[in-house]
Amino acid sequence: NRPNGRYRSWRALLCRLEQGVYLCGTRRVHLRVDGLAERIEASSDGGKTWTDLEALMSGSEASQHALLERTRGAVTSGTS
């Protein structure tokens, strides 16, 4: 929660649903803090596997970007 922290850009995408469970963009994820490594870990499979929050959301960003590009292509081809 540091003002210039590593995860500051994700803060607006996080909505707490219950303790340890957040809506992150459109994904429901479990979050936990690894204090020794100073990172936030995320799990999208109910806590079975954990990864850095940035790594989990990078995949999400890529899929959202691909969806946006497909949508733009459909709009462009529909107006030609």
C-alpha atoms as a PDB file:
ATOM      1  CA  ASN A   1       0.000   0.000   0.000  1.00  0.00           C
ATOM      2  CA  ARG A   2       3.032   2.246  -0.392  1.00  0.00           C
ATOM      3  CA  PRO A   3       2.461   5.415  -2.460  1.00  0.00           C
ATOM      4  CA  ASN A   4       5.349   4.595  -4.814  1.00  0.00           C
ATOM      5  CA  GLY A   5       5.189   0.855  -4.304  1.00  0.00           C
ATOM      6  CA  ARG A   6       5.620  -1.841  -6.887  1.00  0.00           C
ATOM      7  CA  TYR A   7       1.882  -2.588  -7.095  1.00  0.00           C
ATOM      8  CA  ARG A   8       0.511   0.962  -7.110  1.00  0.00           C
ATOM      9  CA  SER A   9      -0.802   0.646 -10.668  1.00  0.00           C
ATOM     10  CA  TRP A  10      -2.956  -2.362  -9.695  1.00  0.00           C
ATOM     11  CA  ARG A  11      -4.568  -0.655  -6.693  1.00  0.00           C
ATOM     12  CA  ALA A  12      -7.470   0.764  -8.710  1.00  0.00           C
ATOM     13  CA  LEU A  13      -8.275  -2.713 -10.065  1.00  0.00           C
ATOM     14  CA  LEU A  14      -8.561  -4.369  -6.643  1.00  0.00           C
ATOM     15  CA  CYS A  15     -11.907  -4.629  -4.895  1.00  0.00           C
ATOM     16  CA  ARG A  16     -12.002  -6.565  -1.618  1.00  0.00           C
ATOM     17  CA  LEU A  17     -14.743  -9.189  -1.510  1.00  0.00           C
ATOM     18  CA  GLU A  18     -13.729 -10.827   1.767  1.00  0.00           C
ATOM     19  CA  GLN A  19     -10.556 -11.431   3.741  1.00  0.00           C
ATOM     20  CA  GLY A  20      -7.872 -12.499   1.267  1.00  0.00           C
ATOM     21  CA  VAL A  21     -10.259 -12.576  -1.712  1.00  0.00           C
ATOM     22  CA  TYR A  22     -10.374  -9.741  -4.226  1.00  0.00           C
ATOM     23  CA  LEU A  23     -11.876  -8.872  -7.538  1.00  0.00           C
ATOM     24  CA  CYS A  24      -8.877  -7.900  -9.647  1.00  0.00           C
ATOM     25  CA  GLY A  25     -10.203  -6.388 -12.847  1.00  0.00           C
ATOM     26  CA  THR A  26     -12.692  -9.058 -13.885  1.00  0.00           C
ATOM     27  CA  ARG A  27     -10.962 -11.942 -12.081  1.00  0.00           C
ATOM     28  CA  ARG A  28     -11.649 -13.273  -8.612  1.00  0.00           C
ATOM     29  CA  VAL A  29      -8.287 -13.925  -6.960  1.00  0.00           C
ATOM     30  CA  HIS A  30      -6.866 -14.805  -3.575  1.00  0.00           C
ATOM     31  CA  LEU A  31      -4.093 -12.493  -2.396  1.00  0.00           C
ATOM     32  CA  ARG A  32      -1.476 -12.887   0.289  1.00  0.00           C
ATOM     33  CA  VAL A  33       1.581 -10.879   1.289  1.00  0.00           C
ATOM     34  CA  ASP A  34       5.046 -12.372   1.291  1.00  0.00           C
ATOM     35  CA  GLY A  35       6.702  -9.968   3.729  1.00  0.00           C
ATOM     36  CA  LEU A  36      10.184 -11.431   3.367  1.00  0.00           C
ATOM     37  CA  ALA A  37      10.195 -11.067  -0.415  1.00  0.00           C
ATOM     38  CA  GLU A  38       8.175  -7.818  -0.201  1.00  0.00           C
ATOM     39  CA  ARG A  39       5.681  -8.963  -2.800  1.00  0.00           C
ATOM     40  CA  ILE A  40       2.010  -9.712  -3.159  1.00  0.00           C
ATOM     41  CA  GLU A  41       1.186 -13.211  -4.312  1.00  0.00           C
ATOM     42  CA  ALA A  42      -1.994 -14.049  -6.178  1.00  0.00           C
ATOM     43  CA  SER A  43      -3.863 -17.264  -6.834  1.00  0.00           C
ATOM     44  CA  SER A  44      -6.649 -17.643  -9.358  1.00  0.00           C
ATOM     45  CA  ASP A  45      -7.274 -21.308  -8.501  1.00  0.00           C
ATOM     46  CA  GLY A  46      -8.462 -20.957  -4.924  1.00  0.00           C
ATOM     47  CA  GLY A  47      -5.006 -21.014  -3.336  1.00  0.00           C
ATOM     48  CA  LYS A  48      -3.590 -24.154  -4.945  1.00  0.00           C
ATOM     49  CA  THR A  49      -0.838 -22.287  -6.786  1.00  0.00           C
ATOM     50  CA  TRP A  50       0.620 -18.834  -6.151  1.00  0.00           C
ATOM     51  CA  THR A  51       2.462 -16.335  -8.330  1.00  0.00           C
ATOM     52  CA  ASP A  52       3.474 -12.709  -8.122  1.00  0.00           C
ATOM     53  CA  LEU A  53       0.502 -10.369  -8.656  1.00  0.00           C
ATOM     54  CA  GLU A  54       2.286  -8.653 -11.565  1.00  0.00           C
ATOM     55  CA  ALA A  55       2.831 -11.973 -13.351  1.00  0.00           C
ATOM     56  CA  LEU A  56      -0.797 -13.004 -12.938  1.00  0.00           C
ATOM     57  CA  MET A  57      -2.112  -9.667 -14.173  1.00  0.00           C
ATOM     58  CA  SER A  58       0.343  -9.469 -17.080  1.00  0.00           C
ATOM     59  CA  GLY A  59      -1.412 -12.467 -18.619  1.00  0.00           C
ATOM     60  CA  SER A  60      -4.727 -10.780 -18.016  1.00  0.00           C
ATOM     61  CA  GLU A  61      -3.513  -7.572 -19.660  1.00  0.00           C
ATOM     62  CA  ALA A  62      -2.408  -9.491 -22.749  1.00  0.00           C
ATOM     63  CA  SER A  63      -5.777 -11.217 -23.114  1.00  0.00           C
ATOM     64  CA  GLN A  64      -7.651  -7.936 -22.609  1.00  0.00           C
ATOM     65  CA  HIS A  65      -5.397  -6.276 -25.217  1.00  0.00           C
ATOM     66  CA  ALA A  66      -6.115  -9.072 -27.726  1.00  0.00           C
ATOM     67  CA  LEU A  67      -9.858  -8.691 -27.110  1.00  0.00           C
ATOM     68  CA  LEU A  68      -9.619  -4.930 -27.635  1.00  0.00           C
ATOM     69  CA  GLU A  69      -7.706  -5.414 -30.905  1.00  0.00           C
ATOM     70  CA  ARG A  70     -10.301  -7.914 -32.190  1.00  0.00           C
ATOM     71  CA  THR A  71     -13.066  -5.477 -31.299  1.00  0.00           C
ATOM     72  CA  ARG A  72     -11.290  -2.618 -33.053  1.00  0.00           C
ATOM     73  CA  GLY A  73     -10.784  -4.815 -36.126  1.00  0.00           C
ATOM     74  CA  ALA A  74     -14.474  -5.707 -36.210  1.00  0.00           C
ATOM     75  CA  VAL A  75     -15.494  -2.047 -35.950  1.00  0.00           C
ATOM     76  CA  THR A  76     -13.000  -0.989 -38.637  1.00  0.00           C
ATOM     77  CA  SER A  77     -14.029  -3.710 -41.066  1.00  0.00           C
ATOM     78  CA  GLY A  78     -17.686  -2.931 -40.418  1.00  0.00           C
ATOM     79  CA  THR A  79     -17.243   0.729 -41.380  1.00  0.00           C
ATOM     80  CA  SER A  80     -15.295   0.117 -44.594  1.00  0.00           C
END
